[in-house]
Amino acid sequence: MEHDRQIAYWLFTLAGFVVLMVLVGGLTRLTDSGLSITEWEPIRGAIPPLSQAAWDLAFAKYQQIPEYTLVNHAMTLHEFKVIYWWEWAHRFLGRIVGLVFLLPFLVFLLQGKLARHRLAPLLGLFALGGLQGFMGWYMVSSGLSERVDVSQYRLAMHLGLALIIFGIALWLALSYLRGVDGRLQSGARVAAGGLIVGLILVQSLLGALVAGIDAGMTYNDWPFMDGDLIPPGLFAYQPLITNFFENHLTVQFDHRLVAYFLTAVIGWHIYRVLQSDSRPRVRQTAVYLGLGMVAQVVLGIVALMLVLPVGLAAAHQIGAVIVLGLAITHLHFLRHN
């Protein structure tokens, strides 16, 4: 039906905006701009400082937090404006994403193009978007009093929720576009496709932990880490569990290991699909997934060895979203004829 296609294009657009949001958020993190706005004002905060007095006030508020007093105490107002605009753009884009969902949703609803039984997933998606706004502030607030950066745990939660929103929007868009009729495929290949999606999410969260503690700025050799395949010091922290979240060596080591494992799982899955699945779209999306994963691994290695130039680091983060999108698309074709 034509209106299903319109809804699909709207949801694809929404997913695209979420990708853009992740990109700007990554750049905000890479430029250390995330703590420049010290208040959460969902409505009034959409308007940036418009006068010299307003800029002076915003800068004065930033000067009260540890990041300024301990790290950026020599920062000028001009330098502050640079990081402020990055954070403001990220928050403003979040508001735009909300409107990209809400306005077409209301139009489709008033036009009677949304079946009642399909409202729940869309309303759930909107609720997750609202939660994401709160999660962003929850993350920022962790760096305003006792830290000079945000909590890596909250950063991972913020990114993870963005990826879930992206994944749901993409899945729903594919469902509307393809006109799935409810007949579901199952079996080992479908299970493997689901496992791959889950592993990509886990790997992305590990990447957020790497970014959150700047673990990528150290151990920049490859395939070794500080000259060893299995470096000493992986479990140097006590209690033991903290190594997986706070030890630079362990966090980066885990990110590498999961990347290797994920690449092997995807390679084996592609081999099985090409051997036994005759559906052209399933075979095609499997190959695209494999190519995307290889490109992402190479990009990650190059970015690491060059000590994370901003452009390459941002590209690696967006690469994770693209690989996730390819995996979700592949799973959709596996699950639905």
C-alpha atoms as a PDB file:
ATOM      1  CA  MET A   1       0.000   0.000   0.000  1.00  0.00           C
ATOM      2  CA  GLU A   2       1.172   3.507  -0.828  1.00  0.00           C
ATOM      3  CA  HIS A   3       0.768   4.877   2.694  1.00  0.00           C
ATOM      4  CA  ASP A   4       2.875   2.012   4.068  1.00  0.00           C
ATOM      5  CA  ARG A   5       5.643   3.104   1.727  1.00  0.00           C
ATOM      6  CA  GLN A   6       5.291   6.688   2.974  1.00  0.00           C
ATOM      7  CA  ILE A   7       5.539   5.508   6.578  1.00  0.00           C
ATOM      8  CA  ALA A   8       8.611   3.455   5.671  1.00  0.00           C
ATOM      9  CA  TYR A   9      10.351   6.486   4.155  1.00  0.00           C
ATOM     10  CA  TRP A  10       9.526   8.504   7.266  1.00  0.00           C
ATOM     11  CA  LEU A  11      11.063   5.839   9.507  1.00  0.00           C
ATOM     12  CA  PHE A  12      14.139   5.533   7.279  1.00  0.00           C
ATOM     13  CA  THR A  13      14.525   9.302   7.589  1.00  0.00           C
ATOM     14  CA  LEU A  14      14.212   9.037  11.352  1.00  0.00           C
ATOM     15  CA  ALA A  15      16.879   6.317  11.433  1.00  0.00           C
ATOM     16  CA  GLY A  16      19.110   8.540   9.315  1.00  0.00           C
ATOM     17  CA  PHE A  17      18.716  11.398  11.776  1.00  0.00           C
ATOM     18  CA  VAL A  18      19.690   9.073  14.601  1.00  0.00           C
ATOM     19  CA  VAL A  19      22.869   8.202  12.681  1.00  0.00           C
ATOM     20  CA  LEU A  20      23.585  11.923  12.321  1.00  0.00           C
ATOM     21  CA  MET A  21      22.918  12.330  16.036  1.00  0.00           C
ATOM     22  CA  VAL A  22      25.481   9.628  16.829  1.00  0.00           C
ATOM     23  CA  LEU A  23      28.019  11.331  14.563  1.00  0.00           C
ATOM     24  CA  VAL A  24      27.583  14.737  16.175  1.00  0.00           C
ATOM     25  CA  GLY A  25      27.595  13.126  19.619  1.00  0.00           C
ATOM     26  CA  GLY A  26      30.847  11.355  18.787  1.00  0.00           C
ATOM     27  CA  LEU A  27      32.440  14.578  17.605  1.00  0.00           C
ATOM     28  CA  THR A  28      31.197  16.308  20.738  1.00  0.00           C
ATOM     29  CA  ARG A  29      32.949  13.660  22.793  1.00  0.00           C
ATOM     30  CA  LEU A  30      36.131  13.733  20.696  1.00  0.00           C
ATOM     31  CA  THR A  31      36.402  17.517  20.987  1.00  0.00           C
ATOM     32  CA  ASP A  32      35.791  17.366  24.768  1.00  0.00           C
ATOM     33  CA  SER A  33      32.747  19.587  24.380  1.00  0.00           C
ATOM     34  CA  GLY A  34      30.136  17.592  26.255  1.00  0.00           C
ATOM     35  CA  LEU A  35      30.354  19.473  29.566  1.00  0.00           C
ATOM     36  CA  SER A  36      30.255  22.983  28.131  1.00  0.00           C
ATOM     37  CA  ILE A  37      26.539  23.406  28.881  1.00  0.00           C
ATOM     38  CA  THR A  38      26.018  22.781  32.580  1.00  0.00           C
ATOM     39  CA  GLU A  39      22.213  22.914  32.718  1.00  0.00           C
ATOM     40  CA  TRP A  40      19.409  20.897  31.195  1.00  0.00           C
ATOM     41  CA  GLU A  41      16.689  23.139  29.831  1.00  0.00           C
ATOM     42  CA  PRO A  42      14.616  21.115  27.326  1.00  0.00           C
ATOM     43  CA  ILE A  43      12.677  24.153  26.053  1.00  0.00           C
ATOM     44  CA  ARG A  44      14.633  27.321  26.802  1.00  0.00           C
ATOM     45  CA  GLY A  45      17.939  25.624  26.087  1.00  0.00           C
ATOM     46  CA  ALA A  46      17.090  25.535  22.376  1.00  0.00           C
ATOM     47  CA  ILE A  47      18.081  29.213  22.220  1.00  0.00           C
ATOM     48  CA  PRO A  48      21.869  29.742  22.422  1.00  0.00           C
ATOM     49  CA  PRO A  49      23.462  32.834  24.017  1.00  0.00           C
ATOM     50  CA  LEU A  50      22.572  35.860  21.875  1.00  0.00           C
ATOM     51  CA  SER A  51      24.446  38.631  23.675  1.00  0.00           C
ATOM     52  CA  GLN A  52      27.814  39.210  25.248  1.00  0.00           C
ATOM     53  CA  ALA A  53      26.249  39.096  28.694  1.00  0.00           C
ATOM     54  CA  ALA A  54      24.645  35.735  27.926  1.00  0.00           C
ATOM     55  CA  TRP A  55      27.971  34.323  26.733  1.00  0.00           C
ATOM     56  CA  ASP A  56      29.726  35.624  29.842  1.00  0.00           C
ATOM     57  CA  LEU A  57      27.094  33.936  32.031  1.00  0.00           C
ATOM     58  CA  ALA A  58      27.399  30.602  30.214  1.00  0.00           C
ATOM     59  CA  PHE A  59      31.186  30.757  30.493  1.00  0.00           C
ATOM     60  CA  ALA A  60      30.963  31.646  34.194  1.00  0.00           C
ATOM     61  CA  LYS A  61      28.818  28.550  34.818  1.00  0.00           C
ATOM     62  CA  TYR A  62      31.341  26.377  32.979  1.00  0.00           C
ATOM     63  CA  GLN A  63      34.139  27.864  35.087  1.00  0.00           C
ATOM     64  CA  GLN A  64      32.543  26.349  38.196  1.00  0.00           C
ATOM     65  CA  ILE A  65      32.984  22.709  37.175  1.00  0.00           C
ATOM     66  CA  PRO A  66      36.098  20.531  37.663  1.00  0.00           C
ATOM     67  CA  GLU A  67      36.812  20.211  33.928  1.00  0.00           C
ATOM     68  CA  TYR A  68      37.535  23.927  33.786  1.00  0.00           C
ATOM     69  CA  THR A  69      39.335  24.320  37.110  1.00  0.00           C
ATOM     70  CA  LEU A  70      41.516  21.223  36.689  1.00  0.00           C
ATOM     71  CA  VAL A  71      41.962  20.916  32.911  1.00  0.00           C
ATOM     72  CA  ASN A  72      40.868  24.014  30.979  1.00  0.00           C
ATOM     73  CA  HIS A  73      41.669  26.813  33.438  1.00  0.00           C
ATOM     74  CA  ALA A  74      43.513  28.751  30.714  1.00  0.00           C
ATOM     75  CA  MET A  75      40.568  28.587  28.283  1.00  0.00           C
ATOM     76  CA  THR A  76      39.419  31.848  26.728  1.00  0.00           C
ATOM     77  CA  LEU A  77      35.843  32.838  25.968  1.00  0.00           C
ATOM     78  CA  HIS A  78      36.526  32.328  22.255  1.00  0.00           C
ATOM     79  CA  GLU A  79      37.740  28.769  22.906  1.00  0.00           C
ATOM     80  CA  PHE A  80      34.730  28.146  25.130  1.00  0.00           C
ATOM     81  CA  LYS A  81      32.385  29.157  22.322  1.00  0.00           C
ATOM     82  CA  VAL A  82      33.852  26.418  20.108  1.00  0.00           C
ATOM     83  CA  ILE A  83      33.049  23.612  22.546  1.00  0.00           C
ATOM     84  CA  TYR A  84      29.734  25.237  23.472  1.00  0.00           C
ATOM     85  CA  TRP A  85      28.528  25.151  19.855  1.00  0.00           C
ATOM     86  CA  TRP A  86      29.362  21.457  19.540  1.00  0.00           C
ATOM     87  CA  GLU A  87      27.287  20.569  22.603  1.00  0.00           C
ATOM     88  CA  TRP A  88      24.493  22.940  21.652  1.00  0.00           C
ATOM     89  CA  ALA A  89      24.344  21.424  18.155  1.00  0.00           C
ATOM     90  CA  HIS A  90      24.098  17.929  19.639  1.00  0.00           C
ATOM     91  CA  ARG A  91      21.242  18.916  21.934  1.00  0.00           C
ATOM     92  CA  PHE A  92      19.473  20.950  19.259  1.00  0.00           C
ATOM     93  CA  LEU A  93      19.696  18.046  16.825  1.00  0.00           C
ATOM     94  CA  GLY A  94      18.076  15.874  19.494  1.00  0.00           C
ATOM     95  CA  ARG A  95      15.129  18.254  19.529  1.00  0.00           C
ATOM     96  CA  ILE A  96      14.961  18.088  15.724  1.00  0.00           C
ATOM     97  CA  VAL A  97      14.887  14.288  15.865  1.00  0.00           C
ATOM     98  CA  GLY A  98      11.906  14.507  18.209  1.00  0.00           C
ATOM     99  CA  LEU A  99      10.064  16.708  15.719  1.00  0.00           C
ATOM    100  CA  VAL A 100      11.035  14.427  12.807  1.00  0.00           C
ATOM    101  CA  PHE A 101       9.169  11.696  14.647  1.00  0.00           C
ATOM    102  CA  LEU A 102       6.266  13.610  16.147  1.00  0.00           C
ATOM    103  CA  LEU A 103       5.027  15.806  13.294  1.00  0.00           C
ATOM    104  CA  PRO A 104       4.749  13.081  10.591  1.00  0.00           C
ATOM    105  CA  PHE A 105       3.330  10.694  13.193  1.00  0.00           C
ATOM    106  CA  LEU A 106       0.503  13.115  13.959  1.00  0.00           C
ATOM    107  CA  VAL A 107      -0.139  13.710  10.261  1.00  0.00           C
ATOM    108  CA  PHE A 108      -0.297   9.976   9.510  1.00  0.00           C
ATOM    109  CA  LEU A 109      -2.503   9.444  12.545  1.00  0.00           C
ATOM    110  CA  LEU A 110      -4.969  12.159  11.539  1.00  0.00           C
ATOM    111  CA  GLN A 111      -5.042  10.821   7.982  1.00  0.00           C
ATOM    112  CA  GLY A 112      -5.927   7.359   9.274  1.00  0.00           C
ATOM    113  CA  LYS A 113      -2.817   5.773   7.758  1.00  0.00           C
ATOM    114  CA  LEU A 114      -1.658   4.134  10.991  1.00  0.00           C
ATOM    115  CA  ALA A 115      -3.507   0.976  11.879  1.00  0.00           C
ATOM    116  CA  ARG A 116      -4.370   0.729  15.568  1.00  0.00           C
ATOM    117  CA  HIS A 117      -2.438  -2.508  16.061  1.00  0.00           C
ATOM    118  CA  ARG A 118       0.686  -0.798  14.724  1.00  0.00           C
ATOM    119  CA  LEU A 119       0.590   2.148  17.108  1.00  0.00           C
ATOM    120  CA  ALA A 120       2.256   0.457  20.070  1.00  0.00           C
ATOM    121  CA  PRO A 121       5.720   0.008  18.475  1.00  0.00           C
ATOM    122  CA  LEU A 122       5.687   3.601  17.219  1.00  0.00           C
ATOM    123  CA  LEU A 123       4.625   5.019  20.577  1.00  0.00           C
ATOM    124  CA  GLY A 124       7.290   2.886  22.224  1.00  0.00           C
ATOM    125  CA  LEU A 125       9.859   4.340  19.854  1.00  0.00           C
ATOM    126  CA  PHE A 126       8.773   7.863  20.794  1.00  0.00           C
ATOM    127  CA  ALA A 127       9.010   7.006  24.503  1.00  0.00           C
ATOM    128  CA  LEU A 128      12.556   5.728  23.988  1.00  0.00           C
ATOM    129  CA  GLY A 129      13.412   9.007  22.304  1.00  0.00           C
ATOM    130  CA  GLY A 130      12.200  10.919  25.356  1.00  0.00           C
ATOM    131  CA  LEU A 131      14.177   8.603  27.613  1.00  0.00           C
ATOM    132  CA  GLN A 132      17.246   9.249  25.460  1.00  0.00           C
ATOM    133  CA  GLY A 133      16.975  12.975  26.121  1.00  0.00           C
ATOM    134  CA  PHE A 134      16.957  12.323  29.862  1.00  0.00           C
ATOM    135  CA  MET A 135      19.792   9.809  29.473  1.00  0.00           C
ATOM    136  CA  GLY A 136      21.905  12.453  27.747  1.00  0.00           C
ATOM    137  CA  TRP A 137      21.514  14.791  30.711  1.00  0.00           C
ATOM    138  CA  TYR A 138      22.089  11.924  33.162  1.00  0.00           C
ATOM    139  CA  MET A 139      25.385  11.310  31.369  1.00  0.00           C
ATOM    140  CA  VAL A 140      26.430  14.977  31.352  1.00  0.00           C
ATOM    141  CA  SER A 141      25.542  15.446  35.017  1.00  0.00           C
ATOM    142  CA  SER A 142      28.100  12.783  35.981  1.00  0.00           C
ATOM    143  CA  GLY A 143      30.899  15.135  34.918  1.00  0.00           C
ATOM    144  CA  LEU A 144      29.766  18.341  36.605  1.00  0.00           C
ATOM    145  CA  SER A 145      30.846  17.852  40.210  1.00  0.00           C
ATOM    146  CA  GLU A 146      33.523  15.257  41.002  1.00  0.00           C
ATOM    147  CA  ARG A 147      34.904  14.265  37.575  1.00  0.00           C
ATOM    148  CA  VAL A 148      36.582  16.038  34.671  1.00  0.00           C
ATOM    149  CA  ASP A 149      34.652  13.966  32.125  1.00  0.00           C
ATOM    150  CA  VAL A 150      31.448  11.974  31.961  1.00  0.00           C
ATOM    151  CA  SER A 151      31.050   8.492  33.392  1.00  0.00           C
ATOM    152  CA  GLN A 152      31.988   5.798  30.875  1.00  0.00           C
ATOM    153  CA  TYR A 153      29.089   3.723  32.176  1.00  0.00           C
ATOM    154  CA  ARG A 154      26.573   6.441  31.383  1.00  0.00           C
ATOM    155  CA  LEU A 155      28.255   7.131  28.046  1.00  0.00           C
ATOM    156  CA  ALA A 156      27.784   3.471  27.110  1.00  0.00           C
ATOM    157  CA  MET A 157      24.138   3.616  28.207  1.00  0.00           C
ATOM    158  CA  HIS A 158      23.565   6.758  26.133  1.00  0.00           C
ATOM    159  CA  LEU A 159      25.129   5.260  23.002  1.00  0.00           C
ATOM    160  CA  GLY A 160      23.443   1.903  23.552  1.00  0.00           C
ATOM    161  CA  LEU A 161      20.007   3.490  23.745  1.00  0.00           C
ATOM    162  CA  ALA A 162      20.692   5.476  20.568  1.00  0.00           C
ATOM    163  CA  LEU A 163      21.589   2.242  18.767  1.00  0.00           C
ATOM    164  CA  ILE A 164      18.436   0.544  20.038  1.00  0.00           C
ATOM    165  CA  ILE A 165      16.319   3.454  18.766  1.00  0.00           C
ATOM    166  CA  PHE A 166      18.104   3.282  15.422  1.00  0.00           C
ATOM    167  CA  GLY A 167      17.612  -0.476  15.210  1.00  0.00           C
ATOM    168  CA  ILE A 168      13.892  -0.336  16.008  1.00  0.00           C
ATOM    169  CA  ALA A 169      13.289   2.488  13.514  1.00  0.00           C
ATOM    170  CA  LEU A 170      15.163   0.583  10.799  1.00  0.00           C
ATOM    171  CA  TRP A 171      13.339  -2.687  11.527  1.00  0.00           C
ATOM    172  CA  LEU A 172       9.932  -1.002  11.435  1.00  0.00           C
ATOM    173  CA  ALA A 173      10.847   0.850   8.230  1.00  0.00           C
ATOM    174  CA  LEU A 174      11.829  -2.399   6.535  1.00  0.00           C
ATOM    175  CA  SER A 175       8.609  -4.032   7.721  1.00  0.00           C
ATOM    176  CA  TYR A 176       6.461  -1.252   6.257  1.00  0.00           C
ATOM    177  CA  LEU A 177       8.470  -1.118   3.026  1.00  0.00           C
ATOM    178  CA  ARG A 178       8.474  -4.857   2.430  1.00  0.00           C
ATOM    179  CA  GLY A 179       4.889  -5.379   3.521  1.00  0.00           C
ATOM    180  CA  VAL A 180       5.666  -8.411   5.676  1.00  0.00           C
ATOM    181  CA  ASP A 181       2.630 -10.590   6.252  1.00  0.00           C
ATOM    182  CA  GLY A 182       3.513 -12.111   9.619  1.00  0.00           C
ATOM    183  CA  ARG A 183       4.985 -15.362   8.300  1.00  0.00           C
ATOM    184  CA  LEU A 184       8.283 -15.775  10.136  1.00  0.00           C
ATOM    185  CA  GLN A 185      11.286 -17.908   9.282  1.00  0.00           C
ATOM    186  CA  SER A 186      13.265 -19.646  12.012  1.00  0.00           C
ATOM    187  CA  GLY A 187      16.221 -21.951  12.274  1.00  0.00           C
ATOM    188  CA  ALA A 188      19.970 -21.851  12.757  1.00  0.00           C
ATOM    189  CA  ARG A 189      20.660 -19.083  10.235  1.00  0.00           C
ATOM    190  CA  VAL A 190      18.036 -16.798  11.751  1.00  0.00           C
ATOM    191  CA  ALA A 191      19.454 -17.470  15.211  1.00  0.00           C
ATOM    192  CA  ALA A 192      22.949 -16.712  13.912  1.00  0.00           C
ATOM    193  CA  GLY A 193      21.702 -13.460  12.396  1.00  0.00           C
ATOM    194  CA  GLY A 194      20.193 -12.471  15.745  1.00  0.00           C
ATOM    195  CA  LEU A 195      23.412 -13.403  17.539  1.00  0.00           C
ATOM    196  CA  ILE A 196      25.392 -11.173  15.176  1.00  0.00           C
ATOM    197  CA  VAL A 197      23.121  -8.209  15.887  1.00  0.00           C
ATOM    198  CA  GLY A 198      23.566  -8.788  19.617  1.00  0.00           C
ATOM    199  CA  LEU A 199      27.340  -9.080  19.325  1.00  0.00           C
ATOM    200  CA  ILE A 200      27.541  -5.840  17.339  1.00  0.00           C
ATOM    201  CA  LEU A 201      25.608  -4.080  20.101  1.00  0.00           C
ATOM    202  CA  VAL A 202      27.979  -5.516  22.721  1.00  0.00           C
ATOM    203  CA  GLN A 203      31.003  -4.473  20.673  1.00  0.00           C
ATOM    204  CA  SER A 204      29.599  -0.966  20.299  1.00  0.00           C
ATOM    205  CA  LEU A 205      29.151  -0.699  24.072  1.00  0.00           C
ATOM    206  CA  LEU A 206      32.737  -1.861  24.544  1.00  0.00           C
ATOM    207  CA  GLY A 207      33.756   0.860  22.109  1.00  0.00           C
ATOM    208  CA  ALA A 208      31.894   3.385  24.261  1.00  0.00           C
ATOM    209  CA  LEU A 209      33.866   2.199  27.297  1.00  0.00           C
ATOM    210  CA  VAL A 210      37.096   2.608  25.307  1.00  0.00           C
ATOM    211  CA  ALA A 211      36.078   6.155  24.399  1.00  0.00           C
ATOM    212  CA  GLY A 212      34.832   6.927  27.894  1.00  0.00           C
ATOM    213  CA  ILE A 213      38.198   6.287  29.565  1.00  0.00           C
ATOM    214  CA  ASP A 214      40.338   7.284  26.544  1.00  0.00           C
ATOM    215  CA  ALA A 215      41.689   3.733  26.355  1.00  0.00           C
ATOM    216  CA  GLY A 216      42.358   4.158  22.638  1.00  0.00           C
ATOM    217  CA  MET A 217      45.024   6.752  23.359  1.00  0.00           C
ATOM    218  CA  THR A 218      47.299   4.044  24.769  1.00  0.00           C
ATOM    219  CA  TYR A 219      48.597   0.678  23.487  1.00  0.00           C
ATOM    220  CA  ASN A 220      48.627   1.875  19.896  1.00  0.00           C
ATOM    221  CA  ASP A 221      50.525  -1.050  18.379  1.00  0.00           C
ATOM    222  CA  TRP A 222      48.838  -3.886  16.507  1.00  0.00           C
ATOM    223  CA  PRO A 223      48.442  -6.891  16.401  1.00  0.00           C
ATOM    224  CA  PHE A 224      50.306  -6.748  19.712  1.00  0.00           C
ATOM    225  CA  MET A 225      49.498  -4.686  22.774  1.00  0.00           C
ATOM    226  CA  ASP A 226      52.619  -3.098  24.202  1.00  0.00           C
ATOM    227  CA  GLY A 227      54.605  -5.817  22.436  1.00  0.00           C
ATOM    228  CA  ASP A 228      52.575  -8.804  23.685  1.00  0.00           C
ATOM    229  CA  LEU A 229      49.688 -10.804  22.289  1.00  0.00           C
ATOM    230  CA  ILE A 230      48.327 -11.230  25.818  1.00  0.00           C
ATOM    231  CA  PRO A 231      49.767  -8.329  27.787  1.00  0.00           C
ATOM    232  CA  PRO A 232      50.422  -8.508  31.535  1.00  0.00           C
ATOM    233  CA  GLY A 233      48.281  -6.356  33.771  1.00  0.00           C
ATOM    234  CA  LEU A 234      44.857  -7.370  32.448  1.00  0.00           C
ATOM    235  CA  PHE A 235      43.648  -8.031  35.981  1.00  0.00           C
ATOM    236  CA  ALA A 236      45.717  -5.507  37.903  1.00  0.00           C
ATOM    237  CA  TYR A 237      42.722  -3.708  39.455  1.00  0.00           C
ATOM    238  CA  GLN A 238      40.846  -4.818  42.537  1.00  0.00           C
ATOM    239  CA  PRO A 239      38.084  -5.835  42.762  1.00  0.00           C
ATOM    240  CA  LEU A 240      38.554  -8.000  39.681  1.00  0.00           C
ATOM    241  CA  ILE A 241      35.354  -6.912  37.902  1.00  0.00           C
ATOM    242  CA  THR A 242      36.515  -3.295  37.682  1.00  0.00           C
ATOM    243  CA  ASN A 243      39.205  -4.281  35.172  1.00  0.00           C
ATOM    244  CA  PHE A 244      36.521  -4.833  32.528  1.00  0.00           C
ATOM    245  CA  PHE A 245      35.241  -1.273  32.872  1.00  0.00           C
ATOM    246  CA  GLU A 246      38.083   0.889  34.191  1.00  0.00           C
ATOM    247  CA  ASN A 247      41.426  -0.704  33.292  1.00  0.00           C
ATOM    248  CA  HIS A 248      42.610   0.896  30.029  1.00  0.00           C
ATOM    249  CA  LEU A 249      44.499  -2.248  29.054  1.00  0.00           C
ATOM    250  CA  THR A 250      41.630  -4.657  29.736  1.00  0.00           C
ATOM    251  CA  VAL A 251      38.914  -2.511  28.154  1.00  0.00           C
ATOM    252  CA  GLN A 252      40.860  -2.136  24.912  1.00  0.00           C
ATOM    253  CA  PHE A 253      41.902  -5.813  24.953  1.00  0.00           C
ATOM    254  CA  ASP A 254      38.259  -6.890  25.281  1.00  0.00           C
ATOM    255  CA  HIS A 255      37.262  -4.583  22.425  1.00  0.00           C
ATOM    256  CA  ARG A 256      39.897  -6.209  20.224  1.00  0.00           C
ATOM    257  CA  LEU A 257      38.933  -9.755  21.196  1.00  0.00           C
ATOM    258  CA  VAL A 258      35.230  -9.257  20.527  1.00  0.00           C
ATOM    259  CA  ALA A 259      36.099  -7.705  17.150  1.00  0.00           C
ATOM    260  CA  TYR A 260      38.062 -10.828  16.192  1.00  0.00           C
ATOM    261  CA  PHE A 261      35.317 -13.128  17.415  1.00  0.00           C
ATOM    262  CA  LEU A 262      32.594 -11.136  15.693  1.00  0.00           C
ATOM    263  CA  THR A 263      34.510 -11.135  12.420  1.00  0.00           C
ATOM    264  CA  ALA A 264      34.901 -14.918  12.610  1.00  0.00           C
ATOM    265  CA  VAL A 265      31.202 -15.433  13.390  1.00  0.00           C
ATOM    266  CA  ILE A 266      30.155 -13.216  10.490  1.00  0.00           C
ATOM    267  CA  GLY A 267      32.576 -14.981   8.139  1.00  0.00           C
ATOM    268  CA  TRP A 268      31.237 -18.411   9.106  1.00  0.00           C
ATOM    269  CA  HIS A 269      27.656 -17.187   8.818  1.00  0.00           C
ATOM    270  CA  ILE A 270      28.263 -15.787   5.331  1.00  0.00           C
ATOM    271  CA  TYR A 271      29.799 -19.091   4.255  1.00  0.00           C
ATOM    272  CA  ARG A 272      26.752 -21.016   5.510  1.00  0.00           C
ATOM    273  CA  VAL A 273      24.314 -18.610   3.863  1.00  0.00           C
ATOM    274  CA  LEU A 274      26.071 -18.775   0.496  1.00  0.00           C
ATOM    275  CA  GLN A 275      26.173 -22.551   0.734  1.00  0.00           C
ATOM    276  CA  SER A 276      22.558 -23.210   1.641  1.00  0.00           C
ATOM    277  CA  ASP A 277      20.257 -20.169   1.181  1.00  0.00           C
ATOM    278  CA  SER A 278      18.972 -19.507  -2.314  1.00  0.00           C
ATOM    279  CA  ARG A 279      17.191 -16.212  -1.576  1.00  0.00           C
ATOM    280  CA  PRO A 280      19.068 -13.477  -3.483  1.00  0.00           C
ATOM    281  CA  ARG A 281      18.425 -10.691  -0.951  1.00  0.00           C
ATOM    282  CA  VAL A 282      19.592 -12.843   1.946  1.00  0.00           C
ATOM    283  CA  ARG A 283      22.807 -13.702   0.115  1.00  0.00           C
ATOM    284  CA  GLN A 284      23.334 -10.102  -0.973  1.00  0.00           C
ATOM    285  CA  THR A 285      22.820  -8.605   2.488  1.00  0.00           C
ATOM    286  CA  ALA A 286      25.136 -11.229   3.989  1.00  0.00           C
ATOM    287  CA  VAL A 287      27.931 -10.181   1.640  1.00  0.00           C
ATOM    288  CA  TYR A 288      27.324  -6.491   2.372  1.00  0.00           C
ATOM    289  CA  LEU A 289      27.503  -7.251   6.091  1.00  0.00           C
ATOM    290  CA  GLY A 290      30.833  -9.018   5.627  1.00  0.00           C
ATOM    291  CA  LEU A 291      32.300  -6.163   3.600  1.00  0.00           C
ATOM    292  CA  GLY A 292      31.091  -3.643   6.156  1.00  0.00           C
ATOM    293  CA  MET A 293      32.634  -5.592   9.015  1.00  0.00           C
ATOM    294  CA  VAL A 294      35.996  -5.893   7.264  1.00  0.00           C
ATOM    295  CA  ALA A 295      36.019  -2.158   6.515  1.00  0.00           C
ATOM    296  CA  GLN A 296      35.147  -1.400  10.148  1.00  0.00           C
ATOM    297  CA  VAL A 297      37.957  -3.592  11.485  1.00  0.00           C
ATOM    298  CA  VAL A 298      40.514  -2.001   9.157  1.00  0.00           C
ATOM    299  CA  LEU A 299      39.290   1.470  10.075  1.00  0.00           C
ATOM    300  CA  GLY A 300      39.551   0.677  13.764  1.00  0.00           C
ATOM    301  CA  ILE A 301      43.115  -0.629  13.431  1.00  0.00           C
ATOM    302  CA  VAL A 302      44.247   2.389  11.408  1.00  0.00           C
ATOM    303  CA  ALA A 303      42.588   4.832  13.819  1.00  0.00           C
ATOM    304  CA  LEU A 304      44.226   3.094  16.788  1.00  0.00           C
ATOM    305  CA  MET A 305      47.713   3.038  15.272  1.00  0.00           C
ATOM    306  CA  LEU A 306      47.446   6.738  14.364  1.00  0.00           C
ATOM    307  CA  VAL A 307      46.359   7.514  17.958  1.00  0.00           C
ATOM    308  CA  LEU A 308      42.757   8.369  17.100  1.00  0.00           C
ATOM    309  CA  PRO A 309      42.678  11.380  14.790  1.00  0.00           C
ATOM    310  CA  VAL A 310      39.272  13.002  15.244  1.00  0.00           C
ATOM    311  CA  GLY A 311      38.108  12.263  11.694  1.00  0.00           C
ATOM    312  CA  LEU A 312      39.055   8.590  11.773  1.00  0.00           C
ATOM    313  CA  ALA A 313      37.677   8.087  15.272  1.00  0.00           C
ATOM    314  CA  ALA A 314      34.335   9.619  14.253  1.00  0.00           C
ATOM    315  CA  ALA A 315      34.276   7.496  11.096  1.00  0.00           C
ATOM    316  CA  HIS A 316      34.887   4.381  13.197  1.00  0.00           C
ATOM    317  CA  GLN A 317      31.962   5.228  15.437  1.00  0.00           C
ATOM    318  CA  ILE A 318      29.651   5.780  12.473  1.00  0.00           C
ATOM    319  CA  GLY A 319      31.015   2.589  10.956  1.00  0.00           C
ATOM    320  CA  ALA A 320      29.653   0.706  13.965  1.00  0.00           C
ATOM    321  CA  VAL A 321      26.172   2.097  13.292  1.00  0.00           C
ATOM    322  CA  ILE A 322      26.417   1.177   9.609  1.00  0.00           C
ATOM    323  CA  VAL A 323      27.494  -2.384  10.404  1.00  0.00           C
ATOM    324  CA  LEU A 324      24.625  -2.659  12.878  1.00  0.00           C
ATOM    325  CA  GLY A 325      22.229  -1.417  10.189  1.00  0.00           C
ATOM    326  CA  LEU A 326      23.554  -3.992   7.719  1.00  0.00           C
ATOM    327  CA  ALA A 327      23.154  -6.756  10.317  1.00  0.00           C
ATOM    328  CA  ILE A 328      19.585  -5.706  11.129  1.00  0.00           C
ATOM    329  CA  THR A 329      18.699  -5.531   7.431  1.00  0.00           C
ATOM    330  CA  HIS A 330      20.189  -8.975   6.868  1.00  0.00           C
ATOM    331  CA  LEU A 331      18.285 -10.386   9.836  1.00  0.00           C
ATOM    332  CA  HIS A 332      15.059  -8.891   8.518  1.00  0.00           C
ATOM    333  CA  PHE A 333      15.495 -10.669   5.178  1.00  0.00           C
ATOM    334  CA  LEU A 334      16.352 -13.881   7.016  1.00  0.00           C
ATOM    335  CA  ARG A 335      13.298 -13.598   9.254  1.00  0.00           C
ATOM    336  CA  HIS A 336      10.780 -12.545   6.629  1.00  0.00           C
ATOM    337  CA  ASN A 337      10.355 -14.044   3.156  1.00  0.00           C
END
